[in-house]
C-alpha atoms as a PDB file:
ATOM      1  CA  MET A   1     -30.960 -64.286  40.020  1.00  0.00           C
ATOM      2  CA  GLU A   2     -27.593 -65.050  38.715  1.00  0.00           C
ATOM      3  CA  LYS A   3     -29.140 -67.111  35.949  1.00  0.00           C
ATOM      4  CA  THR A   4     -31.185 -64.161  34.832  1.00  0.00           C
ATOM      5  CA  LYS A   5     -28.176 -61.954  34.962  1.00  0.00           C
ATOM      6  CA  ASP A   6     -26.174 -64.405  32.847  1.00  0.00           C
ATOM      7  CA  ARG A   7     -29.152 -64.735  30.560  1.00  0.00           C
ATOM      8  CA  ASP A   8     -29.464 -60.931  30.261  1.00  0.00           C
ATOM      9  CA  VAL A   9     -25.764 -60.640  29.556  1.00  0.00           C
ATOM     10  CA  ALA A  10     -26.024 -63.440  26.994  1.00  0.00           C
ATOM     11  CA  LEU A  11     -29.061 -61.797  25.382  1.00  0.00           C
ATOM     12  CA  ALA A  12     -27.293 -58.438  25.353  1.00  0.00           C
ATOM     13  CA  GLN A  13     -24.256 -60.058  23.787  1.00  0.00           C
ATOM     14  CA  VAL A  14     -26.417 -61.802  21.160  1.00  0.00           C
ATOM     15  CA  GLU A  15     -28.173 -58.499  20.492  1.00  0.00           C
ATOM     16  CA  MET A  16     -24.802 -56.753  20.117  1.00  0.00           C
ATOM     17  CA  GLU A  17     -23.507 -59.480  17.772  1.00  0.00           C
ATOM     18  CA  LYS A  18     -26.737 -59.180  15.774  1.00  0.00           C
ATOM     19  CA  LYS A  19     -26.241 -55.409  15.492  1.00  0.00           C
ATOM     20  CA  LEU A  20     -22.588 -55.873  14.526  1.00  0.00           C
ATOM     21  CA  ALA A  21     -23.580 -58.480  11.918  1.00  0.00           C
ATOM     22  CA  LEU A  22     -26.204 -56.098  10.476  1.00  0.00           C
ATOM     23  CA  ILE A  23     -23.661 -53.260  10.418  1.00  0.00           C
ATOM     24  CA  LYS A  24     -21.125 -55.567   8.735  1.00  0.00           C
ATOM     25  CA  ALA A  25     -23.744 -56.652   6.158  1.00  0.00           C
ATOM     26  CA  TRP A  26     -24.685 -53.014   5.508  1.00  0.00           C
ATOM     27  CA  GLU A  27     -21.013 -52.079   5.157  1.00  0.00           C
ATOM     28  CA  ASP A  28     -20.355 -54.946   2.729  1.00  0.00           C
ATOM     29  CA  ASN A  29     -23.481 -54.017   0.759  1.00  0.00           C
ATOM     30  CA  GLU A  30     -22.407 -50.357   0.490  1.00  0.00           C
ATOM     31  CA  LYS A  31     -18.888 -51.340  -0.540  1.00  0.00           C
ATOM     32  CA  THR A  32     -20.312 -53.644  -3.220  1.00  0.00           C
ATOM     33  CA  LYS A  33     -22.547 -50.812  -4.466  1.00  0.00           C
ATOM     34  CA  ALA A  34     -19.521 -48.496  -4.587  1.00  0.00           C
ATOM     35  CA  ASP A  35     -17.502 -51.147  -6.438  1.00  0.00           C
ATOM     36  CA  ASN A  36     -20.316 -51.725  -8.946  1.00  0.00           C
ATOM     37  CA  LYS A  37     -20.778 -47.980  -9.472  1.00  0.00           C
ATOM     38  CA  ALA A  38     -17.036 -47.468 -10.015  1.00  0.00           C
ATOM     39  CA  TYR A  39     -16.866 -50.502 -12.341  1.00  0.00           C
ATOM     40  CA  LYS A  40     -19.775 -49.143 -14.379  1.00  0.00           C
ATOM     41  CA  LYS A  41     -18.105 -45.733 -14.665  1.00  0.00           C
ATOM     42  CA  LEU A  42     -14.764 -47.306 -15.598  1.00  0.00           C
ATOM     43  CA  CYS A  43     -16.459 -49.402 -18.283  1.00  0.00           C
ATOM     44  CA  ALA A  44     -18.183 -46.312 -19.670  1.00  0.00           C
ATOM     45  CA  LEU A  45     -14.880 -44.446 -19.630  1.00  0.00           C
ATOM     46  CA  ASP A  46     -13.104 -47.322 -21.415  1.00  0.00           C
ATOM     47  CA  ALA A  47     -15.850 -47.400 -24.042  1.00  0.00           C
ATOM     48  CA  TRP A  48     -15.557 -43.623 -24.531  1.00  0.00           C
ATOM     49  CA  GLU A  49     -11.766 -43.868 -24.803  1.00  0.00           C
ATOM     50  CA  ASN A  50     -11.972 -46.716 -27.322  1.00  0.00           C
ATOM     51  CA  THR A  51     -14.508 -44.804 -29.418  1.00  0.00           C
ATOM     52  CA  LYS A  52     -12.380 -41.650 -29.415  1.00  0.00           C
ATOM     53  CA  ARG A  53      -9.226 -43.628 -30.157  1.00  0.00           C
ATOM     54  CA  ALA A  54     -10.896 -45.404 -33.081  1.00  0.00           C
ATOM     55  CA  SER A  55     -12.148 -42.059 -34.404  1.00  0.00           C
ATOM     56  CA  LEU A  56      -8.688 -40.494 -34.161  1.00  0.00           C
ATOM     57  CA  GLU A  57      -7.055 -43.523 -35.762  1.00  0.00           C
ATOM     58  CA  ALA A  58      -9.547 -43.297 -38.643  1.00  0.00           C
ATOM     59  CA  GLN A  59      -8.763 -39.592 -39.050  1.00  0.00           C
ATOM     60  CA  LEU A  60      -5.041 -40.332 -38.985  1.00  0.00           C
ATOM     61  CA  LYS A  61      -5.493 -43.035 -41.615  1.00  0.00           C
ATOM     62  CA  GLN A  62      -7.412 -40.599 -43.846  1.00  0.00           C
ATOM     63  CA  ILE A  63      -4.682 -37.995 -43.439  1.00  0.00           C
ATOM     64  CA  GLU A  64      -2.009 -40.575 -44.236  1.00  0.00           C
ATOM     65  CA  GLU A  65      -3.947 -41.681 -47.328  1.00  0.00           C
ATOM     66  CA  LYS A  66      -4.293 -38.069 -48.493  1.00  0.00           C
ATOM     67  CA  PHE A  67      -0.597 -37.536 -47.839  1.00  0.00           C
ATOM     68  CA  GLU A  68       0.343 -40.644 -49.818  1.00  0.00           C
ATOM     69  CA  LYS A  69      -1.927 -39.550 -52.679  1.00  0.00           C
ATOM     70  CA  LYS A  70      -0.382 -36.055 -52.711  1.00  0.00           C
ATOM     71  CA  LYS A  71       3.084 -37.592 -52.476  1.00  0.00           C
ATOM     72  CA  ALA A  72       2.344 -39.780 -55.500  1.00  0.00           C
ATOM     73  CA  GLU A  73       0.910 -36.818 -57.414  1.00  0.00           C
ATOM     74  CA  TYR A  74       3.924 -34.625 -56.632  1.00  0.00           C
ATOM     75  CA  GLY A  75       6.258 -37.498 -57.460  1.00  0.00           C
ATOM     76  CA  GLU A  76       4.572 -37.859 -60.842  1.00  0.00           C
ATOM     77  CA  LYS A  77       4.810 -34.092 -61.432  1.00  0.00           C
ATOM     78  CA  MET A  78       8.516 -34.141 -60.550  1.00  0.00           C
ATOM     79  CA  LYS A  79       9.118 -37.065 -62.915  1.00  0.00           C
ATOM     80  CA  ASN A  80       7.335 -35.150 -65.663  1.00  0.00           C
ATOM     81  CA  LYS A  81       9.433 -32.049 -64.962  1.00  0.00           C
ATOM     82  CA  MET A  82      12.598 -34.148 -64.956  1.00  0.00           C
ATOM     83  CA  SER A  83      11.542 -35.618 -68.283  1.00  0.00           C
ATOM     84  CA  ILE A  84      10.976 -32.114 -69.693  1.00  0.00           C
ATOM     85  CA  VAL A  85      14.399 -30.997 -68.425  1.00  0.00           C
ATOM     86  CA  HIS A  86      16.045 -34.096 -69.906  1.00  0.00           C
ATOM     87  CA  ARG A  87      14.297 -33.561 -73.250  1.00  0.00           C
ATOM     88  CA  ALA A  88      15.375 -29.887 -73.292  1.00  0.00           C
ATOM     89  CA  ALA A  89      18.951 -30.886 -72.451  1.00  0.00           C
ATOM     90  CA  GLU A  90      18.932 -33.479 -75.237  1.00  0.00           C
ATOM     91  CA  GLU A  91      17.575 -30.874 -77.677  1.00  0.00           C
ATOM     92  CA  ASN A  92      20.267 -28.394 -76.600  1.00  0.00           C
ATOM     93  CA  LYS A  93      22.950 -31.078 -76.937  1.00  0.00           C
ATOM     94  CA  ALA A  94      21.691 -31.893 -80.428  1.00  0.00           C
ATOM     95  CA  SER A  95      21.701 -28.190 -81.318  1.00  0.00           C
ATOM     96  CA  ILE A  96      25.249 -27.758 -79.983  1.00  0.00           C
ATOM     97  CA  GLU A  97      26.405 -30.853 -81.876  1.00  0.00           C
ATOM     98  CA  ALA A  98      24.755 -29.526 -85.045  1.00  0.00           C
ATOM     99  CA  ASP A  99      26.453 -26.136 -84.554  1.00  0.00           C
ATOM    100  CA  ARG A 100      29.796 -27.870 -84.003  1.00  0.00           C
ATOM    101  CA  ALA A 101      29.318 -29.974 -87.113  1.00  0.00           C
ATOM    102  CA  GLY A 102      28.399 -26.828 -89.033  1.00  0.00           C
ATOM    103  CA  GLU A 103      31.500 -25.029 -87.750  1.00  0.00           C
ATOM    104  CA  PHE A 104      33.639 -28.039 -88.659  1.00  0.00           C
ATOM    105  CA  LEU A 105      32.230 -27.956 -92.208  1.00  0.00           C
ATOM    106  CA  THR A 106      32.900 -24.222 -92.463  1.00  0.00           C
ATOM    107  CA  VAL A 107      36.468 -24.654 -91.156  1.00  0.00           C
ATOM    108  CA  GLU A 108      37.056 -27.561 -93.547  1.00  0.00           C
ATOM    109  CA  GLU A 109      35.724 -25.500 -96.486  1.00  0.00           C
ATOM    110  CA  VAL A 110      37.891 -22.493 -95.588  1.00  0.00           C
ATOM    111  CA  ALA A 111      40.899 -24.782 -95.034  1.00  0.00           C
ATOM    112  CA  SER A 112      40.360 -26.364 -98.443  1.00  0.00           C
ATOM    113  CA  LYS A 113      40.202 -22.857-100.014  1.00  0.00           C
ATOM    114  CA  PHE A 114      43.469 -21.943 -98.290  1.00  0.00           C
ATOM    115  CA  ARG A 115      45.004 -25.181 -99.540  1.00  0.00           C
ATOM    116  CA  ALA A 116      43.738 -24.503-103.057  1.00  0.00           C
ATOM    117  CA  THR A 117      45.068 -20.927-103.085  1.00  0.00           C
ATOM    118  CA  GLY A 118      48.163 -21.629-101.001  1.00  0.00           C
ATOM    119  CA  ARG A 119      47.466 -18.702 -98.733  1.00  0.00           C
ATOM    120  CA  ILE A 120      47.933 -18.819 -94.967  1.00  0.00           C
ATOM    121  CA  PRO A 121      45.122 -17.684 -92.728  1.00  0.00           C
ATOM    122  CA  LYS A 122      45.701 -14.297 -91.090  1.00  0.00           C
ATOM    123  CA  LYS A 123      44.278 -15.403 -87.762  1.00  0.00           C
ATOM    124  CA  LEU A 124      46.495 -18.220 -86.655  1.00  0.00           C
ATOM    125  CA  PHE A 125      47.132 -19.638 -83.237  1.00  0.00           C
ATOM    126  CA  ALA A 126      48.922 -17.200 -80.945  1.00  0.00           C
ATOM    127  CA  CYS A 127      51.871 -19.571 -80.570  1.00  0.00           C
ATOM    128  CA  PHE A 128      52.419 -19.502 -84.357  1.00  0.00           C
ATOM    129  CA  SER A 129      52.080 -15.735 -84.717  1.00  0.00           C
ATOM    130  CA  SER A 130      55.851 -15.255 -84.962  1.00  0.00           C
ATOM    131  CA  PHE A 131      56.037 -16.889 -88.408  1.00  0.00           C
END
């Protein structure tokens, strides 16, 4: 009878180990499924992120290209305006120089008339007004 009892205990223990092994296998299988599911979702998320990032980088590049183009256009406009200002300044300088030369000629002509007549100009420097 003791043999049967030992055998029953041994069979019960084997049965319990079998159940525990099946539970362990099921647990491992479920964990693997969960890992695979999470990995798949993470991969999909990474792909989505990379796609969005590439799209945003392309948009940024387009904006930068537009900005550089506008910057070049405005730079060219400013150079043209600076050229116009420089040309106007040169024209004004030439006009002023021509006026000065004309005034010098007039003064020299009047001075030569005074020399020829021996008269002294009425409007003289203020420091010489006492003479």
